[in-house]
Amino acid sequence: KLLIYKNELIQVFINIIQNARDVFLQNKNTPAPTITIKSYENEQNVTVVIADNGGGIDKKNILRIFEPYFTTKQNLNGTGIGLYMAKTIVEERSCGSIKAQNNNDGAEFMLVFNKECK
C-alpha cells in the first residue's frame, strides 16, 4: 500500500504516458512504438519505471522538463504543467522522487514512492 490518493497517482501516470504518446504522434518514424511499465517493491519503497522508445529527451531540455510552464510542445497546445504536477505529487504527497533520463532508444521515468510517508 502507498499513502497517496489514487486519483493523484493516476494523474502522474497519465501525464508521463501522454507525453510518450505525443512523441510517437510527432515522430511517425518510430518502429513499433512501445511504452513499458515495470514496478519493483522493497520494504521501504515502491519503484515504477515508465519507458518508451520514442527517441529520448533532448539533452538541452532534460534538466528543465519538471519546471512549471516549460514545454517543448508549443505547437501542440502543451502547457508545461503535466510533468511539473507529476513531480509535485510524487515528491510532496508521497515523500518520493521522480527522475527522467534517456535509455537506449527513448525516455525513462523512474518514480520512487515511499511507503512510510508522514
PDB file of N, CA and C in Angstrom:
ATOM      1  N   LYS A   1       0.826  -1.185   0.000  1.00  0.00           N
ATOM      2  CA  LYS A   1       0.000   0.000   0.000  1.00  0.00           C
ATOM      3  C   LYS A   1       0.868   1.246   0.000  1.00  0.00           C
ATOM      4  N   LEU A   2       0.374   2.251  -0.703  1.00  0.00           N
ATOM      5  CA  LEU A   2       1.038   3.542  -0.734  1.00  0.00           C
ATOM      6  C   LEU A   2       0.138   4.581  -0.093  1.00  0.00           C
ATOM      7  N   LEU A   3       0.742   5.533   0.573  1.00  0.00           N
ATOM      8  CA  LEU A   3      -0.011   6.620   1.181  1.00  0.00           C
ATOM      9  C   LEU A   3      -0.091   7.776   0.190  1.00  0.00           C
ATOM     10  N   ILE A   4      -0.963   7.605  -0.796  1.00  0.00           N
ATOM     11  CA  ILE A   4      -1.145   8.615  -1.832  1.00  0.00           C
ATOM     12  C   ILE A   4      -2.569   8.463  -2.361  1.00  0.00           C
ATOM     13  N   TYR A   5      -3.164   9.554  -2.753  1.00  0.00           N
ATOM     14  CA  TYR A   5      -4.507   9.485  -3.330  1.00  0.00           C
ATOM     15  C   TYR A   5      -4.463   8.782  -4.679  1.00  0.00           C
ATOM     16  N   LYS A   6      -5.357   7.855  -4.858  1.00  0.00           N
ATOM     17  CA  LYS A   6      -5.418   7.057  -6.085  1.00  0.00           C
ATOM     18  C   LYS A   6      -5.500   7.947  -7.321  1.00  0.00           C
ATOM     19  N   ASN A   7      -6.355   8.954  -7.302  1.00  0.00           N
ATOM     20  CA  ASN A   7      -6.528   9.818  -8.474  1.00  0.00           C
ATOM     21  C   ASN A   7      -5.264  10.626  -8.784  1.00  0.00           C
ATOM     22  N   GLU A   8      -4.520  10.995  -7.758  1.00  0.00           N
ATOM     23  CA  GLU A   8      -3.267  11.712  -7.985  1.00  0.00           C
ATOM     24  C   GLU A   8      -2.239  10.784  -8.643  1.00  0.00           C
ATOM     25  N   LEU A   9      -2.187   9.556  -8.191  1.00  0.00           N
ATOM     26  CA  LEU A   9      -1.275   8.578  -8.780  1.00  0.00           C
ATOM     27  C   LEU A   9      -1.631   8.326 -10.244  1.00  0.00           C
ATOM     28  N   ILE A  10      -2.901   8.200 -10.522  1.00  0.00           N
ATOM     29  CA  ILE A  10      -3.361   8.026 -11.902  1.00  0.00           C
ATOM     30  C   ILE A  10      -2.946   9.222 -12.749  1.00  0.00           C
ATOM     31  N   GLN A  11      -3.067  10.427 -12.209  1.00  0.00           N
ATOM     32  CA  GLN A  11      -2.693  11.637 -12.949  1.00  0.00           C
ATOM     33  C   GLN A  11      -1.204  11.637 -13.298  1.00  0.00           C
ATOM     34  N   VAL A  12      -0.368  11.194 -12.367  1.00  0.00           N
ATOM     35  CA  VAL A  12       1.073  11.112 -12.631  1.00  0.00           C
ATOM     36  C   VAL A  12       1.333  10.181 -13.810  1.00  0.00           C
ATOM     37  N   PHE A  13       0.738   8.995 -13.770  1.00  0.00           N
ATOM     38  CA  PHE A  13       0.944   8.025 -14.850  1.00  0.00           C
ATOM     39  C   PHE A  13       0.413   8.558 -16.182  1.00  0.00           C
ATOM     40  N   ILE A  14      -0.764   9.156 -16.155  1.00  0.00           N
ATOM     41  CA  ILE A  14      -1.353   9.692 -17.389  1.00  0.00           C
ATOM     42  C   ILE A  14      -0.451  10.760 -18.000  1.00  0.00           C
ATOM     43  N   ASN A  15       0.086  11.666 -17.195  1.00  0.00           N
ATOM     44  CA  ASN A  15       0.947  12.727 -17.720  1.00  0.00           C
ATOM     45  C   ASN A  15       2.172  12.159 -18.426  1.00  0.00           C
ATOM     46  N   ILE A  16       2.814  11.177 -17.825  1.00  0.00           N
ATOM     47  CA  ILE A  16       4.013  10.592 -18.421  1.00  0.00           C
ATOM     48  C   ILE A  16       3.663   9.824 -19.692  1.00  0.00           C
ATOM     49  N   ILE A  17       2.607   9.031 -19.634  1.00  0.00           N
ATOM     50  CA  ILE A  17       2.207   8.221 -20.787  1.00  0.00           C
ATOM     51  C   ILE A  17       1.730   9.107 -21.943  1.00  0.00           C
ATOM     52  N   GLN A  18       1.001  10.177 -21.642  1.00  0.00           N
ATOM     53  CA  GLN A  18       0.561  11.084 -22.711  1.00  0.00           C
ATOM     54  C   GLN A  18       1.744  11.766 -23.389  1.00  0.00           C
ATOM     55  N   ASN A  19       2.778  12.098 -22.626  1.00  0.00           N
ATOM     56  CA  ASN A  19       3.966  12.696 -23.241  1.00  0.00           C
ATOM     57  C   ASN A  19       4.618  11.717 -24.209  1.00  0.00           C
ATOM     58  N   ALA A  20       4.693  10.453 -23.824  1.00  0.00           N
ATOM     59  CA  ALA A  20       5.259   9.443 -24.723  1.00  0.00           C
ATOM     60  C   ALA A  20       4.395   9.312 -25.972  1.00  0.00           C
ATOM     61  N   ARG A  21       3.106   9.289 -25.791  1.00  0.00           N
ATOM     62  CA  ARG A  21       2.187   9.201 -26.935  1.00  0.00           C
ATOM     63  C   ARG A  21       2.379  10.388 -27.878  1.00  0.00           C
ATOM     64  N   ASP A  22       2.522  11.580 -27.311  1.00  0.00           N
ATOM     65  CA  ASP A  22       2.731  12.772 -28.135  1.00  0.00           C
ATOM     66  C   ASP A  22       4.015  12.665 -28.961  1.00  0.00           C
ATOM     67  N   VAL A  23       5.061  12.097 -28.362  1.00  0.00           N
ATOM     68  CA  VAL A  23       6.308  11.905 -29.099  1.00  0.00           C
ATOM     69  C   VAL A  23       6.083  10.958 -30.270  1.00  0.00           C
ATOM     70  N   PHE A  24       5.344   9.884 -30.032  1.00  0.00           N
ATOM     71  CA  PHE A  24       5.065   8.934 -31.114  1.00  0.00           C
ATOM     72  C   PHE A  24       4.253   9.597 -32.230  1.00  0.00           C
ATOM     73  N   LEU A  25       3.316  10.457 -31.865  1.00  0.00           N
ATOM     74  CA  LEU A  25       2.498  11.134 -32.872  1.00  0.00           C
ATOM     75  C   LEU A  25       3.330  12.128 -33.688  1.00  0.00           C
ATOM     76  N   GLN A  26       4.289  12.779 -33.028  1.00  0.00           N
ATOM     77  CA  GLN A  26       5.155  13.730 -33.714  1.00  0.00           C
ATOM     78  C   GLN A  26       6.156  13.024 -34.623  1.00  0.00           C
ATOM     79  N   ASN A  27       6.703  11.922 -34.125  1.00  0.00           N
ATOM     80  CA  ASN A  27       7.743  11.201 -34.854  1.00  0.00           C
ATOM     81  C   ASN A  27       7.156   9.902 -35.389  1.00  0.00           C
ATOM     82  N   LYS A  28       6.615   9.971 -36.543  1.00  0.00           N
ATOM     83  CA  LYS A  28       5.939   8.809 -37.136  1.00  0.00           C
ATOM     84  C   LYS A  28       6.917   7.723 -37.573  1.00  0.00           C
ATOM     85  N   ASN A  29       8.225   7.985 -37.453  1.00  0.00           N
ATOM     86  CA  ASN A  29       9.232   7.015 -37.888  1.00  0.00           C
ATOM     87  C   ASN A  29       9.628   6.021 -36.806  1.00  0.00           C
ATOM     88  N   THR A  30       9.039   6.110 -35.621  1.00  0.00           N
ATOM     89  CA  THR A  30       9.391   5.181 -34.552  1.00  0.00           C
ATOM     90  C   THR A  30       8.887   3.785 -34.912  1.00  0.00           C
ATOM     91  N   PRO A  31       9.811   2.832 -35.057  1.00  0.00           N
ATOM     92  CA  PRO A  31       9.359   1.464 -35.364  1.00  0.00           C
ATOM     93  C   PRO A  31       8.749   0.829 -34.115  1.00  0.00           C
ATOM     94  N   ALA A  32       7.573   0.273 -34.248  1.00  0.00           N
ATOM     95  CA  ALA A  32       6.881  -0.412 -33.145  1.00  0.00           C
ATOM     96  C   ALA A  32       6.868   0.433 -31.871  1.00  0.00           C
ATOM     97  N   PRO A  33       6.175   1.574 -31.873  1.00  0.00           N
ATOM     98  CA  PRO A  33       6.124   2.422 -30.673  1.00  0.00           C
ATOM     99  C   PRO A  33       5.673   1.621 -29.456  1.00  0.00           C
ATOM    100  N   THR A  34       6.456   1.743 -28.384  1.00  0.00           N
ATOM    101  CA  THR A  34       6.201   0.929 -27.196  1.00  0.00           C
ATOM    102  C   THR A  34       6.394   1.753 -25.931  1.00  0.00           C
ATOM    103  N   ILE A  35       5.489   1.566 -24.990  1.00  0.00           N
ATOM    104  CA  ILE A  35       5.630   2.120 -23.642  1.00  0.00           C
ATOM    105  C   ILE A  35       5.668   0.926 -22.699  1.00  0.00           C
ATOM    106  N   THR A  36       6.697   0.877 -21.867  1.00  0.00           N
ATOM    107  CA  THR A  36       6.879  -0.225 -20.932  1.00  0.00           C
ATOM    108  C   THR A  36       6.760   0.305 -19.508  1.00  0.00           C
ATOM    109  N   ILE A  37       5.999  -0.404 -18.692  1.00  0.00           N
ATOM    110  CA  ILE A  37       5.840  -0.024 -17.282  1.00  0.00           C
ATOM    111  C   ILE A  37       6.252  -1.218 -16.435  1.00  0.00           C
ATOM    112  N   LYS A  38       7.202  -0.984 -15.534  1.00  0.00           N
ATOM    113  CA  LYS A  38       7.672  -2.032 -14.618  1.00  0.00           C
ATOM    114  C   LYS A  38       7.616  -1.488 -13.196  1.00  0.00           C
ATOM    115  N   SER A  39       7.383  -2.363 -12.253  1.00  0.00           N
ATOM    116  CA  SER A  39       7.387  -1.932 -10.854  1.00  0.00           C
ATOM    117  C   SER A  39       8.207  -2.896 -10.012  1.00  0.00           C
ATOM    118  N   TYR A  40       8.786  -2.338  -8.970  1.00  0.00           N
ATOM    119  CA  TYR A  40       9.620  -3.088  -8.041  1.00  0.00           C
ATOM    120  C   TYR A  40       9.243  -2.638  -6.641  1.00  0.00           C
ATOM    121  N   GLU A  41       9.366  -3.535  -5.696  1.00  0.00           N
ATOM    122  CA  GLU A  41       8.994  -3.197  -4.322  1.00  0.00           C
ATOM    123  C   GLU A  41      10.021  -3.755  -3.355  1.00  0.00           C
ATOM    124  N   ASN A  42      10.313  -2.964  -2.317  1.00  0.00           N
ATOM    125  CA  ASN A  42      11.086  -3.462  -1.179  1.00  0.00           C
ATOM    126  C   ASN A  42      10.370  -3.001   0.084  1.00  0.00           C
ATOM    127  N   GLU A  43      10.979  -3.140   1.224  1.00  0.00           N
ATOM    128  CA  GLU A  43      10.290  -2.808   2.478  1.00  0.00           C
ATOM    129  C   GLU A  43       9.941  -1.333   2.605  1.00  0.00           C
ATOM    130  N   GLN A  44      10.767  -0.453   2.039  1.00  0.00           N
ATOM    131  CA  GLN A  44      10.557   0.983   2.193  1.00  0.00           C
ATOM    132  C   GLN A  44       9.845   1.646   1.019  1.00  0.00           C
ATOM    133  N   ASN A  45      10.054   1.135  -0.192  1.00  0.00           N
ATOM    134  CA  ASN A  45       9.628   1.855  -1.387  1.00  0.00           C
ATOM    135  C   ASN A  45       8.951   0.966  -2.413  1.00  0.00           C
ATOM    136  N   VAL A  46       8.183   1.638  -3.260  1.00  0.00           N
ATOM    137  CA  VAL A  46       7.695   1.046  -4.494  1.00  0.00           C
ATOM    138  C   VAL A  46       8.278   1.902  -5.613  1.00  0.00           C
ATOM    139  N   THR A  47       8.947   1.261  -6.559  1.00  0.00           N
ATOM    140  CA  THR A  47       9.549   1.962  -7.685  1.00  0.00           C
ATOM    141  C   THR A  47       8.799   1.580  -8.949  1.00  0.00           C
ATOM    142  N   VAL A  48       8.445   2.585  -9.729  1.00  0.00           N
ATOM    143  CA  VAL A  48       7.778   2.367 -11.013  1.00  0.00           C
ATOM    144  C   VAL A  48       8.642   3.018 -12.089  1.00  0.00           C
ATOM    145  N   VAL A  49       8.943   2.250 -13.131  1.00  0.00           N
ATOM    146  CA  VAL A  49       9.731   2.758 -14.251  1.00  0.00           C
ATOM    147  C   VAL A  49       8.848   2.731 -15.487  1.00  0.00           C
ATOM    148  N   ILE A  50       8.691   3.909 -16.099  1.00  0.00           N
ATOM    149  CA  ILE A  50       7.907   4.043 -17.326  1.00  0.00           C
ATOM    150  C   ILE A  50       8.881   4.465 -18.423  1.00  0.00           C
ATOM    151  N   ALA A  51       8.995   3.630 -19.448  1.00  0.00           N
ATOM    152  CA  ALA A  51       9.964   3.890 -20.516  1.00  0.00           C
ATOM    153  C   ALA A  51       9.282   3.802 -21.872  1.00  0.00           C
ATOM    154  N   ASP A  52       9.840   4.532 -22.830  1.00  0.00           N
ATOM    155  CA  ASP A  52       9.334   4.458 -24.200  1.00  0.00           C
ATOM    156  C   ASP A  52      10.509   4.339 -25.159  1.00  0.00           C
ATOM    157  N   ASN A  53      10.202   4.095 -26.410  1.00  0.00           N
ATOM    158  CA  ASN A  53      11.246   4.008 -27.435  1.00  0.00           C
ATOM    159  C   ASN A  53      11.094   5.124 -28.470  1.00  0.00           C
ATOM    160  N   GLY A  54      10.719   6.313 -27.976  1.00  0.00           N
ATOM    161  CA  GLY A  54      10.437   7.440 -28.859  1.00  0.00           C
ATOM    162  C   GLY A  54      11.606   8.335 -29.175  1.00  0.00           C
ATOM    163  N   GLY A  55      12.827   7.912 -28.880  1.00  0.00           N
ATOM    164  CA  GLY A  55      13.986   8.712 -29.253  1.00  0.00           C
ATOM    165  C   GLY A  55      14.617   9.492 -28.115  1.00  0.00           C
ATOM    166  N   GLY A  56      13.937   9.626 -26.987  1.00  0.00           N
ATOM    167  CA  GLY A  56      14.524  10.294 -25.830  1.00  0.00           C
ATOM    168  C   GLY A  56      14.219  11.773 -25.753  1.00  0.00           C
ATOM    169  N   ILE A  57      14.743  12.380 -24.713  1.00  0.00           N
ATOM    170  CA  ILE A  57      14.536  13.794 -24.414  1.00  0.00           C
ATOM    171  C   ILE A  57      15.793  14.548 -24.825  1.00  0.00           C
ATOM    172  N   ASP A  58      15.626  15.633 -25.546  1.00  0.00           N
ATOM    173  CA  ASP A  58      16.756  16.444 -25.985  1.00  0.00           C
ATOM    174  C   ASP A  58      17.595  16.834 -24.763  1.00  0.00           C
ATOM    175  N   LYS A  59      18.906  16.689 -24.875  1.00  0.00           N
ATOM    176  CA  LYS A  59      19.810  16.967 -23.746  1.00  0.00           C
ATOM    177  C   LYS A  59      19.664  18.384 -23.206  1.00  0.00           C
ATOM    178  N   LYS A  60      19.351  19.337 -24.081  1.00  0.00           N
ATOM    179  CA  LYS A  60      19.217  20.721 -23.620  1.00  0.00           C
ATOM    180  C   LYS A  60      17.931  20.918 -22.801  1.00  0.00           C
ATOM    181  N   ASN A  61      16.990  19.981 -22.900  1.00  0.00           N
ATOM    182  CA  ASN A  61      15.712  20.106 -22.193  1.00  0.00           C
ATOM    183  C   ASN A  61      15.591  19.217 -20.966  1.00  0.00           C
ATOM    184  N   ILE A  62      16.378  18.182 -20.850  1.00  0.00           N
ATOM    185  CA  ILE A  62      16.141  17.166 -19.829  1.00  0.00           C
ATOM    186  C   ILE A  62      16.213  17.728 -18.400  1.00  0.00           C
ATOM    187  N   LEU A  63      17.023  18.744 -18.186  1.00  0.00           N
ATOM    188  CA  LEU A  63      17.124  19.332 -16.845  1.00  0.00           C
ATOM    189  C   LEU A  63      15.971  20.283 -16.539  1.00  0.00           C
ATOM    190  N   ARG A  64      15.165  20.615 -17.540  1.00  0.00           N
ATOM    191  CA  ARG A  64      14.101  21.595 -17.353  1.00  0.00           C
ATOM    192  C   ARG A  64      12.697  20.996 -17.403  1.00  0.00           C
ATOM    193  N   ILE A  65      12.547  19.735 -17.744  1.00  0.00           N
ATOM    194  CA  ILE A  65      11.218  19.197 -18.035  1.00  0.00           C
ATOM    195  C   ILE A  65      10.264  19.220 -16.843  1.00  0.00           C
ATOM    196  N   PHE A  66      10.780  19.310 -15.627  1.00  0.00           N
ATOM    197  CA  PHE A  66       9.905  19.358 -14.456  1.00  0.00           C
ATOM    198  C   PHE A  66       9.604  20.789 -14.000  1.00  0.00           C
ATOM    199  N   GLU A  67      10.116  21.776 -14.711  1.00  0.00           N
ATOM    200  CA  GLU A  67       9.849  23.176 -14.372  1.00  0.00           C
ATOM    201  C   GLU A  67       8.425  23.544 -14.781  1.00  0.00           C
ATOM    202  N   PRO A  68       7.759  24.377 -13.957  1.00  0.00           N
ATOM    203  CA  PRO A  68       6.407  24.802 -14.347  1.00  0.00           C
ATOM    204  C   PRO A  68       6.449  25.638 -15.614  1.00  0.00           C
ATOM    205  N   TYR A  69       5.515  25.362 -16.494  1.00  0.00           N
ATOM    206  CA  TYR A  69       5.301  26.071 -17.754  1.00  0.00           C
ATOM    207  C   TYR A  69       6.382  25.823 -18.807  1.00  0.00           C
ATOM    208  N   PHE A  70       7.311  24.914 -18.541  1.00  0.00           N
ATOM    209  CA  PHE A  70       8.291  24.571 -19.575  1.00  0.00           C
ATOM    210  C   PHE A  70       7.670  23.528 -20.489  1.00  0.00           C
ATOM    211  N   THR A  71       7.641  23.810 -21.776  1.00  0.00           N
ATOM    212  CA  THR A  71       7.087  22.863 -22.740  1.00  0.00           C
ATOM    213  C   THR A  71       7.909  22.884 -24.012  1.00  0.00           C
ATOM    214  N   THR A  72       7.947  21.758 -24.654  1.00  0.00           N
ATOM    215  CA  THR A  72       8.553  21.661 -25.981  1.00  0.00           C
ATOM    216  C   THR A  72       7.462  21.466 -27.021  1.00  0.00           C
ATOM    217  N   LYS A  73       6.206  21.544 -26.579  1.00  0.00           N
ATOM    218  CA  LYS A  73       5.071  21.262 -27.462  1.00  0.00           C
ATOM    219  C   LYS A  73       4.197  22.493 -27.682  1.00  0.00           C
ATOM    220  N   GLN A  74       4.822  23.646 -27.926  1.00  0.00           N
ATOM    221  CA  GLN A  74       4.051  24.864 -28.142  1.00  0.00           C
ATOM    222  C   GLN A  74       3.054  24.699 -29.286  1.00  0.00           C
ATOM    223  N   ASN A  75       3.442  24.006 -30.320  1.00  0.00           N
ATOM    224  CA  ASN A  75       2.561  23.830 -31.478  1.00  0.00           C
ATOM    225  C   ASN A  75       1.474  22.785 -31.242  1.00  0.00           C
ATOM    226  N   LEU A  76       1.572  22.062 -30.153  1.00  0.00           N
ATOM    227  CA  LEU A  76       0.584  21.014 -29.845  1.00  0.00           C
ATOM    228  C   LEU A  76      -0.220  21.364 -28.592  1.00  0.00           C
ATOM    229  N   ASN A  77      -0.282  22.629 -28.253  1.00  0.00           N
ATOM    230  CA  ASN A  77      -1.026  23.089 -27.074  1.00  0.00           C
ATOM    231  C   ASN A  77      -0.459  22.555 -25.769  1.00  0.00           C
ATOM    232  N   GLY A  78       0.843  22.371 -25.698  1.00  0.00           N
ATOM    233  CA  GLY A  78       1.476  21.973 -24.450  1.00  0.00           C
ATOM    234  C   GLY A  78       1.474  23.131 -23.470  1.00  0.00           C
ATOM    235  N   THR A  79       1.173  22.841 -22.205  1.00  0.00           N
ATOM    236  CA  THR A  79       1.111  23.893 -21.186  1.00  0.00           C
ATOM    237  C   THR A  79       2.322  23.894 -20.264  1.00  0.00           C
ATOM    238  N   GLY A  80       3.069  22.794 -20.227  1.00  0.00           N
ATOM    239  CA  GLY A  80       4.211  22.722 -19.321  1.00  0.00           C
ATOM    240  C   GLY A  80       3.816  22.458 -17.891  1.00  0.00           C
ATOM    241  N   ILE A  81       2.620  21.986 -17.665  1.00  0.00           N
ATOM    242  CA  ILE A  81       2.145  21.743 -16.301  1.00  0.00           C
ATOM    243  C   ILE A  81       2.176  20.255 -15.931  1.00  0.00           C
ATOM    244  N   GLY A  82       2.050  19.367 -16.911  1.00  0.00           N
ATOM    245  CA  GLY A  82       1.901  17.940 -16.636  1.00  0.00           C
ATOM    246  C   GLY A  82       3.028  17.337 -15.819  1.00  0.00           C
ATOM    247  N   LEU A  83       4.270  17.482 -16.274  1.00  0.00           N
ATOM    248  CA  LEU A  83       5.391  16.889 -15.538  1.00  0.00           C
ATOM    249  C   LEU A  83       5.693  17.643 -14.246  1.00  0.00           C
ATOM    250  N   TYR A  84       5.427  18.947 -14.251  1.00  0.00           N
ATOM    251  CA  TYR A  84       5.576  19.715 -13.008  1.00  0.00           C
ATOM    252  C   TYR A  84       4.609  19.176 -11.949  1.00  0.00           C
ATOM    253  N   MET A  85       3.363  18.945 -12.338  1.00  0.00           N
ATOM    254  CA  MET A  85       2.379  18.405 -11.398  1.00  0.00           C
ATOM    255  C   MET A  85       2.762  16.986 -10.966  1.00  0.00           C
ATOM    256  N   ALA A  86       3.253  16.182 -11.893  1.00  0.00           N
ATOM    257  CA  ALA A  86       3.693  14.827 -11.551  1.00  0.00           C
ATOM    258  C   ALA A  86       4.783  14.887 -10.486  1.00  0.00           C
ATOM    259  N   LYS A  87       5.741  15.759 -10.671  1.00  0.00           N
ATOM    260  CA  LYS A  87       6.836  15.907  -9.695  1.00  0.00           C
ATOM    261  C   LYS A  87       6.303  16.367  -8.338  1.00  0.00           C
ATOM    262  N   THR A  88       5.412  17.333  -8.365  1.00  0.00           N
ATOM    263  CA  THR A  88       4.835  17.840  -7.119  1.00  0.00           C
ATOM    264  C   THR A  88       4.089  16.735  -6.377  1.00  0.00           C
ATOM    265  N   ILE A  89       3.291  15.980  -7.087  1.00  0.00           N
ATOM    266  CA  ILE A  89       2.528  14.900  -6.462  1.00  0.00           C
ATOM    267  C   ILE A  89       3.466  13.855  -5.871  1.00  0.00           C
ATOM    268  N   VAL A  90       4.432  13.411  -6.653  1.00  0.00           N
ATOM    269  CA  VAL A  90       5.327  12.349  -6.186  1.00  0.00           C
ATOM    270  C   VAL A  90       6.164  12.820  -5.006  1.00  0.00           C
ATOM    271  N   GLU A  91       6.724  14.016  -5.083  1.00  0.00           N
ATOM    272  CA  GLU A  91       7.629  14.469  -4.036  1.00  0.00           C
ATOM    273  C   GLU A  91       6.913  14.975  -2.793  1.00  0.00           C
ATOM    274  N   GLU A  92       5.842  15.731  -2.964  1.00  0.00           N
ATOM    275  CA  GLU A  92       5.198  16.343  -1.809  1.00  0.00           C
ATOM    276  C   GLU A  92       4.105  15.488  -1.200  1.00  0.00           C
ATOM    277  N   ARG A  93       3.452  14.676  -2.003  1.00  0.00           N
ATOM    278  CA  ARG A  93       2.328  13.892  -1.497  1.00  0.00           C
ATOM    279  C   ARG A  93       2.724  12.472  -1.102  1.00  0.00           C
ATOM    280  N   SER A  94       3.838  11.972  -1.656  1.00  0.00           N
ATOM    281  CA  SER A  94       4.228  10.607  -1.320  1.00  0.00           C
ATOM    282  C   SER A  94       5.646  10.518  -0.766  1.00  0.00           C
ATOM    283  N   CYS A  95       6.258  11.683  -0.497  1.00  0.00           N
ATOM    284  CA  CYS A  95       7.631  11.724   0.019  1.00  0.00           C
ATOM    285  C   CYS A  95       8.569  10.927  -0.877  1.00  0.00           C
ATOM    286  N   GLY A  96       8.325  10.947  -2.159  1.00  0.00           N
ATOM    287  CA  GLY A  96       9.103  10.156  -3.100  1.00  0.00           C
ATOM    288  C   GLY A  96       9.976  11.003  -3.984  1.00  0.00           C
ATOM    289  N   SER A  97      10.354  10.412  -5.117  1.00  0.00           N
ATOM    290  CA  SER A  97      11.191  11.126  -6.070  1.00  0.00           C
ATOM    291  C   SER A  97      10.817  10.692  -7.480  1.00  0.00           C
ATOM    292  N   ILE A  98      11.116  11.570  -8.428  1.00  0.00           N
ATOM    293  CA  ILE A  98      10.890  11.278  -9.832  1.00  0.00           C
ATOM    294  C   ILE A  98      12.096  11.780 -10.596  1.00  0.00           C
ATOM    295  N   LYS A  99      12.593  10.939 -11.495  1.00  0.00           N
ATOM    296  CA  LYS A  99      13.757  11.302 -12.301  1.00  0.00           C
ATOM    297  C   LYS A  99      13.499  10.896 -13.741  1.00  0.00           C
ATOM    298  N   ALA A 100      14.076  11.640 -14.653  1.00  0.00           N
ATOM    299  CA  ALA A 100      13.983  11.322 -16.074  1.00  0.00           C
ATOM    300  C   ALA A 100      15.384  11.166 -16.627  1.00  0.00           C
ATOM    301  N   GLN A 101      15.518  10.209 -17.519  1.00  0.00           N
ATOM    302  CA  GLN A 101      16.781  10.016 -18.216  1.00  0.00           C
ATOM    303  C   GLN A 101      16.491   9.392 -19.569  1.00  0.00           C
ATOM    304  N   ASN A 102      17.490   9.407 -20.416  1.00  0.00           N
ATOM    305  CA  ASN A 102      17.370   8.732 -21.700  1.00  0.00           C
ATOM    306  C   ASN A 102      17.913   7.320 -21.559  1.00  0.00           C
ATOM    307  N   ASN A 103      17.180   6.364 -22.130  1.00  0.00           N
ATOM    308  CA  ASN A 103      17.676   4.995 -22.179  1.00  0.00           C
ATOM    309  C   ASN A 103      18.235   4.757 -23.581  1.00  0.00           C
ATOM    310  N   ASN A 104      18.370   3.549 -23.993  1.00  0.00           N
ATOM    311  CA  ASN A 104      18.971   3.251 -25.302  1.00  0.00           C
ATOM    312  C   ASN A 104      18.229   3.875 -26.468  1.00  0.00           C
ATOM    313  N   ASP A 105      16.898   3.877 -26.417  1.00  0.00           N
ATOM    314  CA  ASP A 105      16.143   4.338 -27.580  1.00  0.00           C
ATOM    315  C   ASP A 105      14.973   5.250 -27.247  1.00  0.00           C
ATOM    316  N   GLY A 106      14.949   5.768 -26.015  1.00  0.00           N
ATOM    317  CA  GLY A 106      13.841   6.635 -25.651  1.00  0.00           C
ATOM    318  C   GLY A 106      14.040   7.273 -24.295  1.00  0.00           C
ATOM    319  N   ALA A 107      12.941   7.655 -23.685  1.00  0.00           N
ATOM    320  CA  ALA A 107      12.954   8.291 -22.370  1.00  0.00           C
ATOM    321  C   ALA A 107      12.533   7.282 -21.316  1.00  0.00           C
ATOM    322  N   GLU A 108      13.018   7.517 -20.108  1.00  0.00           N
ATOM    323  CA  GLU A 108      12.686   6.629 -18.992  1.00  0.00           C
ATOM    324  C   GLU A 108      12.448   7.486 -17.749  1.00  0.00           C
ATOM    325  N   PHE A 109      11.315   7.260 -17.113  1.00  0.00           N
ATOM    326  CA  PHE A 109      10.975   7.966 -15.882  1.00  0.00           C
ATOM    327  C   PHE A 109      10.984   6.961 -14.743  1.00  0.00           C
ATOM    328  N   MET A 110      11.724   7.289 -13.682  1.00  0.00           N
ATOM    329  CA  MET A 110      11.770   6.436 -12.506  1.00  0.00           C
ATOM    330  C   MET A 110      11.077   7.163 -11.364  1.00  0.00           C
ATOM    331  N   LEU A 111      10.019   6.545 -10.863  1.00  0.00           N
ATOM    332  CA  LEU A 111       9.254   7.111  -9.764  1.00  0.00           C
ATOM    333  C   LEU A 111       9.449   6.227  -8.541  1.00  0.00           C
ATOM    334  N   VAL A 112       9.853   6.820  -7.440  1.00  0.00           N
ATOM    335  CA  VAL A 112      10.042   6.076  -6.202  1.00  0.00           C
ATOM    336  C   VAL A 112       9.044   6.623  -5.182  1.00  0.00           C
ATOM    337  N   PHE A 113       8.185   5.744  -4.693  1.00  0.00           N
ATOM    338  CA  PHE A 113       7.161   6.106  -3.706  1.00  0.00           C
ATOM    339  C   PHE A 113       7.538   5.514  -2.369  1.00  0.00           C
ATOM    340  N   ASN A 114       7.613   6.362  -1.360  1.00  0.00           N
ATOM    341  CA  ASN A 114       7.944   5.916  -0.008  1.00  0.00           C
ATOM    342  C   ASN A 114       6.690   5.351   0.648  1.00  0.00           C
ATOM    343  N   LYS A 115       6.768   4.147   1.177  1.00  0.00           N
ATOM    344  CA  LYS A 115       5.616   3.507   1.811  1.00  0.00           C
ATOM    345  C   LYS A 115       5.257   4.146   3.151  1.00  0.00           C
ATOM    346  N   GLU A 116       6.209   4.822   3.763  1.00  0.00           N
ATOM    347  CA  GLU A 116       6.002   5.377   5.100  1.00  0.00           C
ATOM    348  C   GLU A 116       5.965   6.891   5.107  1.00  0.00           C
ATOM    349  N   CYS A 117       5.374   7.506   4.126  1.00  0.00           N
ATOM    350  CA  CYS A 117       5.310   8.963   4.048  1.00  0.00           C
ATOM    351  C   CYS A 117       4.520   9.515   5.222  1.00  0.00           C
ATOM    352  N   LYS A 118       5.087  10.513   5.875  1.00  0.00           N
ATOM    353  CA  LYS A 118       4.409  11.117   7.035  1.00  0.00           C
ATOM    354  C   LYS A 118       4.270  12.600   6.825  1.00  0.00           C
TER     355      LYS A 118
END
